[in-house]
Amino acid sequence: MSTNETAAACSTDMIGKMEVGLETALKEIFATMFRNEANVIPHMEVIDAPRISSVVGFTGRLSGMLGMHFSAEMACNVASGLLGMPVTQVDENVRDAIGELSNMLAGGLKKQLSSTDNMFKISIPTIVSGLEYSMHAPTNARQLWMGIAAGQCRFKIQLVLEQK
């Protein structure tokens, strides 16, 4: 196996481990914070709409980013659940709630992968919202997209892992 083939195999294996870690962390967060079950669905089943995204970068032995993408309605639903009060419009509270959720997920992923070593450090969340934007990863990066269904809430998770 060439060095490039070995690196690709390791990257594919790590993406698989990260997918399992994300799913485990997400289930724990939704069970604890929302008393709801979160399940992975095909990401194509989550409708793209004017949205709000939260991005957490990570660097260390692993480098990349974790993005969570919500429609405005779903972001308000998540914020309502976290804040314990109805929220109907995207405002600072919604942006903070989405940022906190992505921070919890990145921390949960780190916990799942770092049982003995510190695999990576995470950044503070960056929130992006608008009617029309797209997020692009470097061409040599590995990507994973997951759709998530939790009750009536549907959103996407994007994982980008830098190839080293």
N, C-alpha and C. Protein backbone atom coordinates (compact mmCIF):
# COMPACT_ATOMS: atom_id res chain seq x y z
N MET A 1 0.85 -1.18 0.00
CA MET A 1 0.00 0.00 0.00
C MET A 1 0.89 1.24 0.00
N SER A 2 0.62 2.18 -0.89
CA SER A 2 1.43 3.41 -0.95
C SER A 2 1.10 4.31 0.24
N THR A 3 1.94 5.33 0.44
CA THR A 3 1.72 6.29 1.53
C THR A 3 0.37 6.99 1.36
N ASN A 4 0.03 7.37 0.13
CA ASN A 4 -1.26 8.03 -0.13
C ASN A 4 -2.43 7.10 0.17
N GLU A 5 -2.29 5.81 -0.21
CA GLU A 5 -3.35 4.84 0.06
C GLU A 5 -3.50 4.60 1.56
N THR A 6 -2.37 4.54 2.27
CA THR A 6 -2.41 4.35 3.72
C THR A 6 -3.08 5.54 4.39
N ALA A 7 -2.72 6.75 3.97
CA ALA A 7 -3.32 7.97 4.55
C ALA A 7 -4.82 8.00 4.27
N ALA A 8 -5.23 7.61 3.07
CA ALA A 8 -6.66 7.60 2.73
C ALA A 8 -7.40 6.57 3.57
N ALA A 9 -6.80 5.40 3.77
CA ALA A 9 -7.45 4.36 4.58
C ALA A 9 -7.57 4.82 6.03
N CYS A 10 -6.52 5.45 6.57
CA CYS A 10 -6.58 5.96 7.95
C CYS A 10 -7.64 7.04 8.06
N SER A 11 -7.71 7.91 7.06
CA SER A 11 -8.69 8.99 7.07
C SER A 11 -10.10 8.43 7.02
N THR A 12 -10.33 7.40 6.17
CA THR A 12 -11.65 6.78 6.07
C THR A 12 -12.03 6.13 7.39
N ASP A 13 -11.07 5.44 8.01
CA ASP A 13 -11.30 4.81 9.31
C ASP A 13 -11.63 5.88 10.36
N MET A 14 -10.91 7.00 10.35
CA MET A 14 -11.15 8.06 11.32
C MET A 14 -12.52 8.70 11.09
N ILE A 15 -12.90 8.90 9.84
CA ILE A 15 -14.23 9.45 9.55
C ILE A 15 -15.30 8.53 10.13
N GLY A 16 -15.12 7.22 9.97
CA GLY A 16 -16.06 6.26 10.54
C GLY A 16 -16.13 6.35 12.06
N LYS A 17 -14.97 6.47 12.71
CA LYS A 17 -14.94 6.61 14.17
C LYS A 17 -15.60 7.92 14.59
N MET A 18 -15.37 8.97 13.82
CA MET A 18 -15.96 10.27 14.16
C MET A 18 -17.48 10.24 13.96
N GLU A 19 -17.94 9.53 12.94
CA GLU A 19 -19.38 9.40 12.71
C GLU A 19 -20.05 8.71 13.90
N VAL A 20 -19.44 7.63 14.37
CA VAL A 20 -19.98 6.92 15.53
C VAL A 20 -19.92 7.82 16.77
N GLY A 21 -18.81 8.53 16.95
CA GLY A 21 -18.67 9.44 18.07
C GLY A 21 -19.69 10.56 18.05
N LEU A 22 -19.94 11.12 16.86
CA LEU A 22 -20.95 12.18 16.73
C LEU A 22 -22.34 11.66 17.07
N GLU A 23 -22.67 10.49 16.55
CA GLU A 23 -23.99 9.92 16.82
C GLU A 23 -24.17 9.65 18.31
N THR A 24 -23.15 9.10 18.96
CA THR A 24 -23.22 8.82 20.39
C THR A 24 -23.38 10.12 21.19
N ALA A 25 -22.55 11.11 20.88
CA ALA A 25 -22.61 12.40 21.59
C ALA A 25 -23.96 13.07 21.37
N LEU A 26 -24.45 13.04 20.15
CA LEU A 26 -25.73 13.67 19.82
C LEU A 26 -26.87 13.01 20.59
N LYS A 27 -26.88 11.68 20.64
CA LYS A 27 -27.93 10.96 21.37
C LYS A 27 -27.90 11.33 22.86
N GLU A 28 -26.70 11.43 23.43
CA GLU A 28 -26.57 11.80 24.84
C GLU A 28 -27.08 13.22 25.08
N ILE A 29 -26.70 14.15 24.22
CA ILE A 29 -27.12 15.56 24.37
C ILE A 29 -28.64 15.67 24.27
N PHE A 30 -29.23 15.06 23.25
CA PHE A 30 -30.68 15.19 23.07
C PHE A 30 -31.45 14.47 24.16
N ALA A 31 -30.96 13.34 24.64
CA ALA A 31 -31.64 12.64 25.73
C ALA A 31 -31.59 13.48 27.01
N THR A 32 -30.44 14.08 27.28
CA THR A 32 -30.27 14.85 28.52
C THR A 32 -30.91 16.23 28.44
N MET A 33 -30.63 16.97 27.38
CA MET A 33 -31.06 18.38 27.30
C MET A 33 -32.51 18.54 26.83
N PHE A 34 -32.96 17.65 25.95
CA PHE A 34 -34.27 17.81 25.34
C PHE A 34 -35.25 16.69 25.70
N ARG A 35 -34.76 15.66 26.39
CA ARG A 35 -35.56 14.49 26.69
C ARG A 35 -36.22 13.95 25.40
N ASN A 36 -35.38 13.84 24.39
CA ASN A 36 -35.84 13.44 23.07
C ASN A 36 -34.78 12.54 22.46
N GLU A 37 -35.20 11.70 21.53
CA GLU A 37 -34.28 10.81 20.84
C GLU A 37 -33.86 11.45 19.52
N ALA A 38 -32.56 11.45 19.26
CA ALA A 38 -32.02 11.95 17.99
C ALA A 38 -31.57 10.75 17.16
N ASN A 39 -31.97 10.74 15.90
CA ASN A 39 -31.60 9.64 15.00
C ASN A 39 -30.97 10.19 13.74
N VAL A 40 -30.02 9.44 13.20
CA VAL A 40 -29.39 9.80 11.93
C VAL A 40 -30.32 9.40 10.80
N ILE A 41 -30.51 10.33 9.87
CA ILE A 41 -31.28 10.08 8.65
C ILE A 41 -30.43 10.53 7.46
N PRO A 42 -30.77 10.13 6.23
CA PRO A 42 -30.00 10.64 5.09
C PRO A 42 -30.08 12.17 5.04
N HIS A 43 -28.93 12.81 4.86
CA HIS A 43 -28.91 14.28 4.90
C HIS A 43 -29.75 14.91 3.79
N MET A 44 -30.00 14.17 2.71
CA MET A 44 -30.82 14.70 1.62
C MET A 44 -32.28 14.86 2.05
N GLU A 45 -32.68 14.20 3.14
CA GLU A 45 -34.05 14.32 3.63
C GLU A 45 -34.29 15.60 4.43
N VAL A 46 -33.23 16.34 4.71
CA VAL A 46 -33.36 17.60 5.43
C VAL A 46 -33.40 18.72 4.40
N ILE A 47 -34.49 19.46 4.41
CA ILE A 47 -34.71 20.50 3.40
C ILE A 47 -33.79 21.68 3.65
N ASP A 48 -33.12 22.13 2.58
CA ASP A 48 -32.33 23.36 2.67
C ASP A 48 -33.27 24.54 2.56
N ALA A 49 -33.11 25.49 3.44
CA ALA A 49 -33.96 26.67 3.48
C ALA A 49 -33.10 27.82 4.01
N PRO A 50 -33.64 29.03 4.06
CA PRO A 50 -32.86 30.07 4.75
C PRO A 50 -32.45 29.50 6.10
N ARG A 51 -31.19 29.65 6.41
CA ARG A 51 -30.72 28.88 7.55
C ARG A 51 -29.77 29.65 8.45
N ILE A 52 -29.45 28.96 9.53
CA ILE A 52 -28.46 29.42 10.49
C ILE A 52 -27.52 28.24 10.73
N SER A 53 -26.23 28.52 10.71
CA SER A 53 -25.23 27.48 10.89
C SER A 53 -24.29 27.87 12.02
N SER A 54 -23.81 26.87 12.71
CA SER A 54 -22.80 27.06 13.73
C SER A 54 -21.62 26.19 13.37
N VAL A 55 -20.43 26.76 13.40
CA VAL A 55 -19.22 26.06 13.00
C VAL A 55 -18.21 26.10 14.14
N VAL A 56 -17.69 24.93 14.48
CA VAL A 56 -16.64 24.81 15.48
C VAL A 56 -15.44 24.18 14.79
N GLY A 57 -14.32 24.88 14.82
CA GLY A 57 -13.08 24.34 14.26
C GLY A 57 -12.37 23.49 15.29
N PHE A 58 -11.53 22.58 14.82
CA PHE A 58 -10.71 21.81 15.74
C PHE A 58 -9.34 21.59 15.11
N THR A 59 -8.34 21.52 15.98
CA THR A 59 -6.97 21.34 15.51
C THR A 59 -6.18 20.55 16.54
N GLY A 60 -5.18 19.86 16.07
CA GLY A 60 -4.35 19.00 16.91
C GLY A 60 -3.94 17.80 16.09
N ARG A 61 -4.01 16.61 16.68
CA ARG A 61 -3.73 15.40 15.90
C ARG A 61 -4.74 15.25 14.77
N LEU A 62 -5.95 15.76 15.00
CA LEU A 62 -6.98 15.85 13.96
C LEU A 62 -7.29 17.34 13.76
N SER A 63 -7.49 17.73 12.50
CA SER A 63 -7.85 19.12 12.21
C SER A 63 -9.03 19.13 11.26
N GLY A 64 -9.91 20.08 11.46
CA GLY A 64 -11.06 20.22 10.58
C GLY A 64 -12.10 21.12 11.20
N MET A 65 -13.34 20.83 10.88
CA MET A 65 -14.44 21.61 11.44
C MET A 65 -15.70 20.77 11.52
N LEU A 66 -16.56 21.19 12.45
CA LEU A 66 -17.86 20.57 12.64
C LEU A 66 -18.89 21.67 12.44
N GLY A 67 -19.80 21.46 11.52
CA GLY A 67 -20.85 22.44 11.26
C GLY A 67 -22.22 21.83 11.53
N MET A 68 -23.11 22.64 12.09
CA MET A 68 -24.51 22.25 12.28
C MET A 68 -25.34 23.26 11.50
N HIS A 69 -26.25 22.77 10.68
CA HIS A 69 -27.02 23.63 9.78
C HIS A 69 -28.52 23.43 10.03
N PHE A 70 -29.21 24.53 10.36
CA PHE A 70 -30.63 24.51 10.70
C PHE A 70 -31.40 25.47 9.82
N SER A 71 -32.66 25.14 9.54
CA SER A 71 -33.55 26.16 9.00
C SER A 71 -33.83 27.12 10.15
N ALA A 72 -34.32 28.30 9.84
CA ALA A 72 -34.63 29.27 10.90
C ALA A 72 -35.66 28.68 11.87
N GLU A 73 -36.66 27.99 11.34
CA GLU A 73 -37.69 27.38 12.18
C GLU A 73 -37.10 26.33 13.12
N MET A 74 -36.23 25.47 12.59
CA MET A 74 -35.63 24.43 13.42
C MET A 74 -34.69 25.03 14.45
N ALA A 75 -33.96 26.08 14.09
CA ALA A 75 -33.08 26.75 15.06
C ALA A 75 -33.91 27.31 16.21
N CYS A 76 -35.07 27.88 15.90
CA CYS A 76 -35.96 28.40 16.95
C CYS A 76 -36.49 27.27 17.82
N ASN A 77 -36.82 26.13 17.22
CA ASN A 77 -37.28 24.97 17.99
C ASN A 77 -36.21 24.49 18.96
N VAL A 78 -34.97 24.40 18.49
CA VAL A 78 -33.88 23.96 19.35
C VAL A 78 -33.66 24.97 20.47
N ALA A 79 -33.66 26.25 20.14
CA ALA A 79 -33.48 27.29 21.16
C ALA A 79 -34.61 27.24 22.19
N SER A 80 -35.84 27.01 21.73
CA SER A 80 -36.97 26.89 22.66
C SER A 80 -36.73 25.76 23.64
N GLY A 81 -36.25 24.64 23.14
CA GLY A 81 -35.98 23.50 24.01
C GLY A 81 -34.86 23.77 25.00
N LEU A 82 -33.81 24.44 24.56
CA LEU A 82 -32.69 24.75 25.45
C LEU A 82 -33.05 25.82 26.47
N LEU A 83 -33.82 26.82 26.04
CA LEU A 83 -34.14 27.94 26.92
C LEU A 83 -35.38 27.71 27.78
N GLY A 84 -36.20 26.72 27.40
CA GLY A 84 -37.41 26.44 28.15
C GLY A 84 -38.49 27.48 27.98
N MET A 85 -38.48 28.16 26.85
CA MET A 85 -39.50 29.17 26.55
C MET A 85 -39.69 29.24 25.04
N PRO A 86 -40.88 29.66 24.60
CA PRO A 86 -41.10 29.71 23.15
C PRO A 86 -40.23 30.78 22.48
N VAL A 87 -39.63 30.41 21.36
CA VAL A 87 -38.84 31.33 20.56
C VAL A 87 -39.35 31.21 19.13
N THR A 88 -39.69 32.32 18.49
CA THR A 88 -40.29 32.26 17.15
C THR A 88 -39.48 32.97 16.08
N GLN A 89 -38.48 33.77 16.48
CA GLN A 89 -37.66 34.48 15.50
C GLN A 89 -36.19 34.32 15.85
N VAL A 90 -35.37 34.24 14.81
CA VAL A 90 -33.93 34.14 15.04
C VAL A 90 -33.45 35.46 15.61
N ASP A 91 -32.88 35.36 16.81
CA ASP A 91 -32.32 36.53 17.49
C ASP A 91 -31.05 36.09 18.20
N GLU A 92 -30.52 36.94 19.04
CA GLU A 92 -29.28 36.63 19.76
C GLU A 92 -29.42 35.37 20.61
N ASN A 93 -30.59 35.15 21.21
CA ASN A 93 -30.81 33.95 22.02
C ASN A 93 -30.71 32.68 21.17
N VAL A 94 -31.27 32.74 19.98
CA VAL A 94 -31.22 31.58 19.07
C VAL A 94 -29.78 31.33 18.64
N ARG A 95 -29.08 32.39 18.25
CA ARG A 95 -27.68 32.22 17.84
C ARG A 95 -26.84 31.65 18.99
N ASP A 96 -27.06 32.15 20.20
CA ASP A 96 -26.32 31.62 21.36
C ASP A 96 -26.66 30.15 21.61
N ALA A 97 -27.93 29.79 21.49
CA ALA A 97 -28.36 28.41 21.73
C ALA A 97 -27.75 27.46 20.69
N ILE A 98 -27.77 27.87 19.43
CA ILE A 98 -27.20 27.03 18.37
C ILE A 98 -25.69 26.90 18.57
N GLY A 99 -25.04 27.98 18.95
CA GLY A 99 -23.61 27.94 19.24
C GLY A 99 -23.30 27.00 20.40
N GLU A 100 -24.12 27.08 21.45
CA GLU A 100 -23.92 26.22 22.61
C GLU A 100 -24.13 24.75 22.24
N LEU A 101 -25.14 24.46 21.43
CA LEU A 101 -25.38 23.09 21.01
C LEU A 101 -24.19 22.55 20.21
N SER A 102 -23.66 23.35 19.30
CA SER A 102 -22.51 22.87 18.51
C SER A 102 -21.28 22.70 19.39
N ASN A 103 -21.13 23.56 20.39
CA ASN A 103 -20.03 23.43 21.34
C ASN A 103 -20.17 22.13 22.14
N MET A 104 -21.39 21.82 22.59
CA MET A 104 -21.62 20.57 23.32
C MET A 104 -21.32 19.37 22.43
N LEU A 105 -21.73 19.43 21.16
CA LEU A 105 -21.50 18.31 20.25
C LEU A 105 -20.01 18.13 19.98
N ALA A 106 -19.29 19.22 19.74
CA ALA A 106 -17.84 19.13 19.51
C ALA A 106 -17.15 18.59 20.76
N GLY A 107 -17.57 19.04 21.94
CA GLY A 107 -17.01 18.53 23.19
C GLY A 107 -17.32 17.06 23.40
N GLY A 108 -18.55 16.66 23.05
CA GLY A 108 -18.93 15.25 23.14
C GLY A 108 -18.13 14.38 22.19
N LEU A 109 -17.90 14.88 20.97
CA LEU A 109 -17.08 14.14 20.01
C LEU A 109 -15.66 14.00 20.53
N LYS A 110 -15.11 15.08 21.06
CA LYS A 110 -13.76 15.05 21.62
C LYS A 110 -13.67 14.00 22.73
N LYS A 111 -14.68 13.97 23.59
CA LYS A 111 -14.72 12.99 24.69
C LYS A 111 -14.76 11.56 24.12
N GLN A 112 -15.57 11.33 23.09
CA GLN A 112 -15.68 9.99 22.50
C GLN A 112 -14.37 9.53 21.88
N LEU A 113 -13.60 10.45 21.28
CA LEU A 113 -12.37 10.07 20.57
C LEU A 113 -11.12 10.16 21.42
N SER A 114 -11.18 10.85 22.53
CA SER A 114 -9.97 11.15 23.29
C SER A 114 -9.94 10.45 24.63
N SER A 115 -10.19 9.16 24.65
CA SER A 115 -10.23 8.46 25.93
C SER A 115 -8.88 8.52 26.65
N THR A 116 -7.79 8.48 25.91
CA THR A 116 -6.49 8.55 26.57
C THR A 116 -5.64 9.73 26.11
N ASP A 117 -5.79 10.22 24.90
CA ASP A 117 -5.01 11.38 24.46
C ASP A 117 -5.92 12.52 24.10
N ASN A 118 -5.28 13.65 23.99
CA ASN A 118 -5.99 14.85 23.58
C ASN A 118 -5.89 14.93 22.06
N MET A 119 -6.90 14.42 21.36
CA MET A 119 -6.87 14.35 19.90
C MET A 119 -6.91 15.72 19.25
N PHE A 120 -7.65 16.65 19.85
CA PHE A 120 -7.77 17.99 19.26
C PHE A 120 -8.29 18.98 20.28
N LYS A 121 -8.09 20.24 19.97
CA LYS A 121 -8.66 21.33 20.75
C LYS A 121 -9.74 21.97 19.88
N ILE A 122 -10.79 22.47 20.52
CA ILE A 122 -11.89 23.05 19.76
C ILE A 122 -11.91 24.56 19.92
N SER A 123 -12.40 25.22 18.87
CA SER A 123 -12.53 26.68 18.87
C SER A 123 -13.89 27.06 19.45
N ILE A 124 -14.09 28.35 19.63
CA ILE A 124 -15.42 28.81 20.00
C ILE A 124 -16.30 28.75 18.75
N PRO A 125 -17.60 28.60 18.92
CA PRO A 125 -18.49 28.51 17.75
C PRO A 125 -18.57 29.83 16.98
N THR A 126 -18.67 29.72 15.68
CA THR A 126 -18.94 30.85 14.80
C THR A 126 -20.32 30.63 14.22
N ILE A 127 -21.16 31.65 14.27
CA ILE A 127 -22.53 31.54 13.77
C ILE A 127 -22.64 32.31 12.45
N VAL A 128 -23.25 31.65 11.46
CA VAL A 128 -23.48 32.25 10.15
C VAL A 128 -24.96 32.11 9.87
N SER A 129 -25.60 33.18 9.39
CA SER A 129 -27.02 33.05 9.04
C SER A 129 -27.30 33.88 7.80
N GLY A 130 -28.36 33.53 7.12
CA GLY A 130 -28.73 34.30 5.93
C GLY A 130 -29.60 33.51 4.99
N LEU A 131 -29.98 34.19 3.94
CA LEU A 131 -30.84 33.59 2.94
C LEU A 131 -30.05 32.77 1.94
N GLU A 132 -28.81 33.19 1.68
CA GLU A 132 -28.06 32.52 0.63
C GLU A 132 -26.57 32.51 0.98
N TYR A 133 -26.08 31.39 1.38
CA TYR A 133 -24.65 31.21 1.59
C TYR A 133 -24.34 29.73 1.45
N SER A 134 -23.09 29.43 1.23
CA SER A 134 -22.68 28.03 1.16
C SER A 134 -21.34 27.92 1.87
N MET A 135 -21.05 26.71 2.32
CA MET A 135 -19.80 26.45 3.02
C MET A 135 -19.02 25.44 2.19
N HIS A 136 -17.76 25.72 2.00
CA HIS A 136 -16.92 24.86 1.17
C HIS A 136 -15.72 24.37 1.98
N ALA A 137 -15.35 23.15 1.74
CA ALA A 137 -14.18 22.55 2.39
C ALA A 137 -13.06 22.48 1.36
N PRO A 138 -11.81 22.44 1.81
CA PRO A 138 -10.70 22.26 0.87
C PRO A 138 -10.91 21.00 0.04
N THR A 139 -10.43 21.02 -1.18
CA THR A 139 -10.66 19.89 -2.09
C THR A 139 -10.04 18.59 -1.59
N ASN A 140 -8.97 18.68 -0.79
CA ASN A 140 -8.33 17.45 -0.31
C ASN A 140 -8.88 17.00 1.04
N ALA A 141 -9.91 17.66 1.55
CA ALA A 141 -10.49 17.29 2.85
C ALA A 141 -11.50 16.16 2.69
N ARG A 142 -11.65 15.36 3.72
CA ARG A 142 -12.69 14.32 3.77
C ARG A 142 -13.92 14.95 4.40
N GLN A 143 -15.10 14.65 3.88
CA GLN A 143 -16.33 15.22 4.43
C GLN A 143 -17.33 14.12 4.75
N LEU A 144 -18.12 14.41 5.76
CA LEU A 144 -19.22 13.55 6.16
C LEU A 144 -20.42 14.45 6.39
N TRP A 145 -21.55 14.10 5.82
CA TRP A 145 -22.81 14.81 6.05
C TRP A 145 -23.77 13.84 6.72
N MET A 146 -24.46 14.32 7.75
CA MET A 146 -25.45 13.51 8.45
C MET A 146 -26.73 14.33 8.58
N GLY A 147 -27.86 13.71 8.30
CA GLY A 147 -29.14 14.33 8.63
C GLY A 147 -29.53 13.85 10.02
N ILE A 148 -30.17 14.72 10.77
CA ILE A 148 -30.58 14.37 12.13
C ILE A 148 -32.07 14.65 12.28
N ALA A 149 -32.78 13.70 12.86
CA ALA A 149 -34.20 13.86 13.18
C ALA A 149 -34.36 13.67 14.68
N ALA A 150 -34.95 14.66 15.32
CA ALA A 150 -35.23 14.59 16.76
C ALA A 150 -36.62 15.17 16.96
N GLY A 151 -37.60 14.31 17.14
CA GLY A 151 -38.98 14.79 17.18
C GLY A 151 -39.32 15.42 15.84
N GLN A 152 -39.86 16.64 15.86
CA GLN A 152 -40.19 17.35 14.62
C GLN A 152 -39.00 18.12 14.05
N CYS A 153 -37.90 18.14 14.77
CA CYS A 153 -36.73 18.90 14.36
C CYS A 153 -35.87 18.10 13.39
N ARG A 154 -35.45 18.75 12.32
CA ARG A 154 -34.55 18.16 11.33
C ARG A 154 -33.42 19.15 11.07
N PHE A 155 -32.18 18.65 11.06
CA PHE A 155 -31.05 19.50 10.73
C PHE A 155 -29.92 18.65 10.20
N LYS A 156 -28.86 19.32 9.73
CA LYS A 156 -27.72 18.62 9.16
C LYS A 156 -26.46 18.88 9.98
N ILE A 157 -25.62 17.87 9.99
CA ILE A 157 -24.29 18.00 10.56
C ILE A 157 -23.29 17.77 9.44
N GLN A 158 -22.29 18.63 9.40
CA GLN A 158 -21.21 18.53 8.42
C GLN A 158 -19.90 18.38 9.17
N LEU A 159 -19.15 17.34 8.84
CA LEU A 159 -17.85 17.13 9.43
C LEU A 159 -16.82 17.20 8.31
N VAL A 160 -15.81 18.01 8.51
CA VAL A 160 -14.71 18.13 7.54
C VAL A 160 -13.43 17.74 8.26
N LEU A 161 -12.71 16.79 7.71
CA LEU A 161 -11.46 16.32 8.29
C LEU A 161 -10.33 16.57 7.30
N GLU A 162 -9.35 17.32 7.76
CA GLU A 162 -8.21 17.66 6.90
C GLU A 162 -7.39 16.41 6.65
N GLN A 163 -6.98 16.22 5.40
CA GLN A 163 -6.08 15.13 5.04
C GLN A 163 -4.65 15.56 5.39
N LYS A 164 -3.93 14.76 6.12
CA LYS A 164 -2.53 15.10 6.46
C LYS A 164 -1.60 14.16 5.76
